[in-house]
């Protein structure tokens, strides 16, 4: 199977990398601290802003914002320099990383906010902490603990301002549902076409597929089609509805979701 091309555009990227054969890439807290130093050096070199991170023993998650089209150069410096440090310290040789890193372009705000929850809840999913912000090597833990210094490359993080807003921490604490995980997986698998230096999202389903079974319920398929990138006008035309009716359904859905998450 052909590899998906890297999306090198400026903007937000979710990056995941694991140790070879899922072995540990950090053996103690000092390794994690050294990784963060190397990460900040790479961010400074390539003008990258770090918005969130989680360092688990055998893998890491980063949420970064590129200001230039240099993801590959940035990641090469980060991964190679840490591998050199790790191999030298522990007198080992060979590959440290399990294949090439995974990177996913973050194409909308809903996806971005879901990623904050996903990244910060990794230690909970791994059952090494019970609440978000408890595990030291996440960015949220740094923000919530006055005894921990914010690393330089994360000082422009969006998360710093977000947690000041009412209800945000409670929102991040909500356990990700099966539907949330499905949406994240769909976002990761979504094909993004590059044409004339513009990103264009491919649709995951046709409108026929979205609305193939709407005898009892059409509101959820409408929301799913909107999330898939279809416009309100195109959905209204397909369903022989007015755009105002579609808008009302979307507003009602958002209102219900807001009330549920309080």
Protein backbone atom coordinates (compact mmCIF):
# COMPACT_ATOMS: atom_id res chain seq x y z
CA UNK A 1 0.00 0.00 0.00
CA UNK A 2 1.35 3.41 -0.97
CA UNK A 3 2.19 5.79 1.85
CA UNK A 4 0.02 8.82 2.32
CA UNK A 5 1.91 11.99 1.45
CA UNK A 6 2.94 14.23 4.32
CA UNK A 7 0.93 17.40 4.78
CA UNK A 8 3.65 19.98 5.22
CA UNK A 9 1.42 23.04 5.38
CA UNK A 10 1.65 25.68 8.08
CA UNK A 11 -0.96 25.14 10.77
CA UNK A 12 -1.70 22.61 13.51
CA UNK A 13 -0.38 19.05 13.36
CA UNK A 14 -0.92 16.11 15.71
CA UNK A 15 2.22 13.97 15.84
CA UNK A 16 2.65 10.49 17.33
CA UNK A 17 5.81 8.42 17.53
CA UNK A 18 6.61 5.11 19.26
CA UNK A 19 9.66 3.16 20.27
CA UNK A 20 10.71 0.28 18.02
CA UNK A 21 8.68 -2.84 18.87
CA UNK A 22 6.86 -0.59 21.36
CA UNK A 23 9.85 -0.57 23.69
CA UNK A 24 10.33 2.31 26.11
CA UNK A 25 11.93 5.45 24.74
CA UNK A 26 12.13 7.08 28.18
CA UNK A 27 13.55 5.08 31.08
CA UNK A 28 13.22 7.78 33.71
CA UNK A 29 12.11 11.37 34.25
CA UNK A 30 15.51 12.70 33.17
CA UNK A 31 15.02 11.22 29.69
CA UNK A 32 11.68 12.99 29.40
CA UNK A 33 13.21 16.26 30.54
CA UNK A 34 16.00 15.88 27.98
CA UNK A 35 13.45 15.14 25.25
CA UNK A 36 11.63 18.38 26.06
CA UNK A 37 14.92 20.31 25.82
CA UNK A 38 15.64 18.78 22.41
CA UNK A 39 12.03 19.48 21.37
CA UNK A 40 12.36 23.15 22.30
CA UNK A 41 15.62 23.47 20.40
CA UNK A 42 13.93 22.06 17.30
CA UNK A 43 10.95 24.40 17.80
CA UNK A 44 13.29 27.39 18.01
CA UNK A 45 15.23 26.34 14.92
CA UNK A 46 12.15 25.86 12.75
CA UNK A 47 9.81 28.49 14.29
CA UNK A 48 7.34 25.91 15.60
CA UNK A 49 4.89 26.58 18.45
CA UNK A 50 4.12 23.74 20.84
CA UNK A 51 0.50 23.75 22.02
CA UNK A 52 0.23 20.45 23.88
CA UNK A 53 2.20 17.29 24.61
CA UNK A 54 2.08 14.01 26.47
CA UNK A 55 5.18 11.87 27.00
CA UNK A 56 4.32 8.26 27.81
CA UNK A 57 7.04 5.68 28.46
CA UNK A 58 7.01 4.15 24.96
CA UNK A 59 5.51 6.93 22.82
CA UNK A 60 4.71 10.60 22.65
CA UNK A 61 1.97 12.91 21.41
CA UNK A 62 2.67 16.45 20.24
CA UNK A 63 0.29 19.15 19.09
CA UNK A 64 2.38 21.68 17.21
CA UNK A 65 1.75 24.67 15.00
CA UNK A 66 3.99 25.18 12.00
CA UNK A 67 4.57 28.74 10.88
CA UNK A 68 6.48 27.51 7.82
CA UNK A 69 6.28 24.42 5.63
CA UNK A 70 9.03 22.49 7.41
CA UNK A 71 7.46 19.58 9.31
CA UNK A 72 9.92 17.00 7.96
CA UNK A 73 12.97 19.09 8.87
CA UNK A 74 11.60 19.80 12.33
CA UNK A 75 10.84 16.13 13.02
CA UNK A 76 14.20 14.97 11.65
CA UNK A 77 16.04 17.18 14.12
CA UNK A 78 13.83 16.13 17.04
CA UNK A 79 13.88 12.38 16.46
CA UNK A 80 17.50 12.03 15.37
CA UNK A 81 18.91 14.17 18.18
CA UNK A 82 16.93 12.33 20.83
CA UNK A 83 17.92 8.94 19.38
CA UNK A 84 21.60 10.00 19.50
CA UNK A 85 21.19 11.05 23.16
CA UNK A 86 19.34 7.85 24.12
CA UNK A 87 21.68 5.43 22.33
CA UNK A 88 24.77 7.09 23.74
CA UNK A 89 23.41 7.20 27.30
CA UNK A 90 22.37 3.55 27.33
CA UNK A 91 25.17 2.16 25.12
CA UNK A 92 22.77 0.84 22.53
CA UNK A 93 22.74 0.89 18.74
CA UNK A 94 20.14 0.60 16.02
CA UNK A 95 16.80 2.24 15.45
CA UNK A 96 15.00 3.81 18.38
CA UNK A 97 11.76 4.66 16.57
CA UNK A 98 9.14 2.27 15.19
CA UNK A 99 9.06 3.28 11.55
CA UNK A 100 8.27 6.82 10.55
CA UNK A 101 6.30 9.10 12.83
CA UNK A 102 2.58 9.64 12.26
CA UNK A 103 1.34 13.16 11.58
CA UNK A 104 -2.19 14.39 11.07
CA UNK A 105 -3.16 17.83 9.83
CA UNK A 106 -5.74 19.50 12.08
CA UNK A 107 -8.21 21.01 9.65
CA UNK A 108 -10.92 22.44 11.92
CA UNK A 109 -11.57 23.70 15.44
CA UNK A 110 -13.79 20.79 16.52
CA UNK A 111 -11.02 18.34 15.69
CA UNK A 112 -8.50 20.55 17.51
CA UNK A 113 -10.51 20.70 20.74
CA UNK A 114 -11.10 16.95 20.65
CA UNK A 115 -7.34 16.45 20.34
CA UNK A 116 -6.66 18.43 23.51
CA UNK A 117 -8.91 16.03 25.39
CA UNK A 118 -7.45 13.00 23.63
CA UNK A 119 -3.83 13.96 24.36
CA UNK A 120 -4.42 14.96 27.97
CA UNK A 121 -6.45 11.82 28.70
CA UNK A 122 -3.72 9.43 27.49
CA UNK A 123 -2.36 8.78 31.02
CA UNK A 124 -5.91 8.08 32.23
CA UNK A 125 -6.51 5.64 29.41
CA UNK A 126 -3.23 3.93 30.33
CA UNK A 127 -4.40 3.80 33.99
CA UNK A 128 -1.38 5.64 35.35
CA UNK A 129 -3.46 8.58 36.58
CA UNK A 130 -7.08 9.17 37.48
CA UNK A 131 -7.65 12.81 36.52
CA UNK A 132 -6.30 15.10 33.82
CA UNK A 133 -3.35 17.22 34.88
CA UNK A 134 -2.16 14.66 37.42
CA UNK A 135 0.46 13.01 35.21
CA UNK A 136 3.51 15.29 35.23
CA UNK A 137 4.61 14.97 31.62
CA UNK A 138 1.60 16.56 29.98
CA UNK A 139 1.39 20.26 29.26
CA UNK A 140 -1.81 20.67 31.25
CA UNK A 141 -0.04 19.34 34.35
CA UNK A 142 2.56 22.08 33.93
CA UNK A 143 -0.12 24.74 33.62
CA UNK A 144 -1.98 23.53 36.72
CA UNK A 145 1.12 23.09 38.90
CA UNK A 146 2.78 26.32 39.98
CA UNK A 147 5.94 24.40 40.88
CA UNK A 148 6.56 23.36 37.27
CA UNK A 149 8.10 25.72 34.74
CA UNK A 150 6.50 26.19 31.34
CA UNK A 151 9.04 25.25 28.69
CA UNK A 152 9.94 28.06 26.29
CA UNK A 153 8.53 26.45 23.15
CA UNK A 154 5.08 26.17 24.76
CA UNK A 155 4.79 29.75 26.02
CA UNK A 156 2.56 30.66 23.07
CA UNK A 157 0.33 27.65 23.56
CA UNK A 158 -3.36 28.16 22.95
CA UNK A 159 -4.00 25.90 25.93
CA UNK A 160 -2.63 28.53 28.34
CA UNK A 161 -5.49 30.85 27.53
CA UNK A 162 -8.10 28.17 27.03
CA UNK A 163 -7.94 26.86 30.60
CA UNK A 164 -8.80 30.33 31.89
CA UNK A 165 -12.25 30.07 30.30
CA UNK A 166 -15.19 28.90 32.38
CA UNK A 167 -16.02 25.23 31.97
CA UNK A 168 -13.01 24.29 29.83
CA UNK A 169 -11.32 22.11 32.46
CA UNK A 170 -14.61 20.34 33.13
CA UNK A 171 -14.96 19.80 29.38
CA UNK A 172 -11.46 18.31 29.14
CA UNK A 173 -12.29 15.97 32.02
CA UNK A 174 -15.23 14.43 30.16
CA UNK A 175 -14.33 10.89 29.17
CA UNK A 176 -14.01 10.46 25.44
CA UNK A 177 -16.90 8.40 24.12
CA UNK A 178 -16.70 5.65 21.54
CA UNK A 179 -18.16 8.13 19.08
CA UNK A 180 -15.35 10.58 19.90
CA UNK A 181 -12.73 7.93 19.16
CA UNK A 182 -14.48 7.07 15.90
CA UNK A 183 -14.43 10.75 14.90
CA UNK A 184 -10.73 11.03 15.70
CA UNK A 185 -9.98 7.92 13.66
CA UNK A 186 -12.07 9.24 10.77
CA UNK A 187 -10.22 12.55 10.93
CA UNK A 188 -6.88 10.76 10.89
CA UNK A 189 -7.87 8.65 7.89
CA UNK A 190 -9.46 11.49 5.97
CA UNK A 191 -7.81 12.16 2.65
CA UNK A 192 -6.58 15.70 2.20
CA UNK A 193 -5.87 16.71 -1.37
CA UNK A 194 -3.33 19.37 -2.24
CA UNK A 195 -4.12 21.30 -5.40
CA UNK A 196 -2.57 24.58 -6.46
CA UNK A 197 -1.13 25.03 -3.00
CA UNK A 198 -4.53 24.67 -1.32
CA UNK A 199 -5.79 21.96 1.01
CA UNK A 200 -9.07 20.35 0.05
CA UNK A 201 -10.77 17.75 2.24
CA UNK A 202 -12.24 14.74 0.54
CA UNK A 203 -15.69 13.63 1.65
CA UNK A 204 -15.83 10.34 3.55
CA UNK A 205 -19.30 9.50 2.20
CA UNK A 206 -21.61 10.62 -0.59
CA UNK A 207 -24.89 12.30 0.36
CA UNK A 208 -26.69 9.13 -0.77
CA UNK A 209 -24.65 7.17 1.79
CA UNK A 210 -25.25 9.72 4.57
CA UNK A 211 -29.01 9.63 4.02
CA UNK A 212 -29.57 6.04 2.94
CA UNK A 213 -31.63 5.26 6.05
CA UNK A 214 -33.50 8.30 7.40
CA UNK A 215 -36.98 6.89 7.92
CA UNK A 216 -36.85 7.46 11.69
CA UNK A 217 -34.08 10.00 12.15
CA UNK A 218 -32.56 12.54 9.81
CA UNK A 219 -31.04 15.08 12.22
CA UNK A 220 -27.97 13.00 13.08
CA UNK A 221 -27.22 12.24 9.40
CA UNK A 222 -27.50 15.99 8.72
CA UNK A 223 -24.95 16.73 11.46
CA UNK A 224 -22.66 13.97 10.17
CA UNK A 225 -22.86 15.35 6.65
CA UNK A 226 -21.97 18.84 7.91
CA UNK A 227 -18.99 17.35 9.79
CA UNK A 228 -18.02 15.61 6.54
CA UNK A 229 -17.68 18.98 4.82
CA UNK A 230 -20.98 19.35 2.97
CA UNK A 231 -22.54 22.80 2.98
CA UNK A 232 -25.96 23.52 4.45
CA UNK A 233 -27.14 24.56 0.99
CA UNK A 234 -26.11 21.27 -0.64
CA UNK A 235 -27.80 19.23 2.10
CA UNK A 236 -30.95 21.35 1.91
CA UNK A 237 -31.14 20.85 -1.85
CA UNK A 238 -30.59 17.10 -1.53
CA UNK A 239 -33.32 16.73 1.12
CA UNK A 240 -35.67 19.26 -0.51
CA UNK A 241 -35.57 21.36 2.64
CA UNK A 242 -34.90 25.03 3.26
CA UNK A 243 -31.46 26.12 4.42
CA UNK A 244 -33.12 27.79 7.42
CA UNK A 245 -34.50 24.40 8.50
CA UNK A 246 -31.02 22.88 8.26
CA UNK A 247 -29.62 25.78 10.30
CA UNK A 248 -32.23 25.24 13.03
CA UNK A 249 -31.30 21.55 13.29
CA UNK A 250 -27.61 22.43 13.61
CA UNK A 251 -28.27 25.10 16.25
CA UNK A 252 -30.46 22.70 18.24
CA UNK A 253 -27.77 20.02 18.09
CA UNK A 254 -25.10 22.43 19.32
CA UNK A 255 -27.38 23.62 22.14
CA UNK A 256 -28.06 20.04 23.29
CA UNK A 257 -24.35 19.23 23.20
CA UNK A 258 -23.51 22.34 25.20
CA UNK A 259 -26.08 21.50 27.87
CA UNK A 260 -24.90 17.88 28.03
CA UNK A 261 -21.28 18.90 28.55
CA UNK A 262 -22.00 21.29 31.42
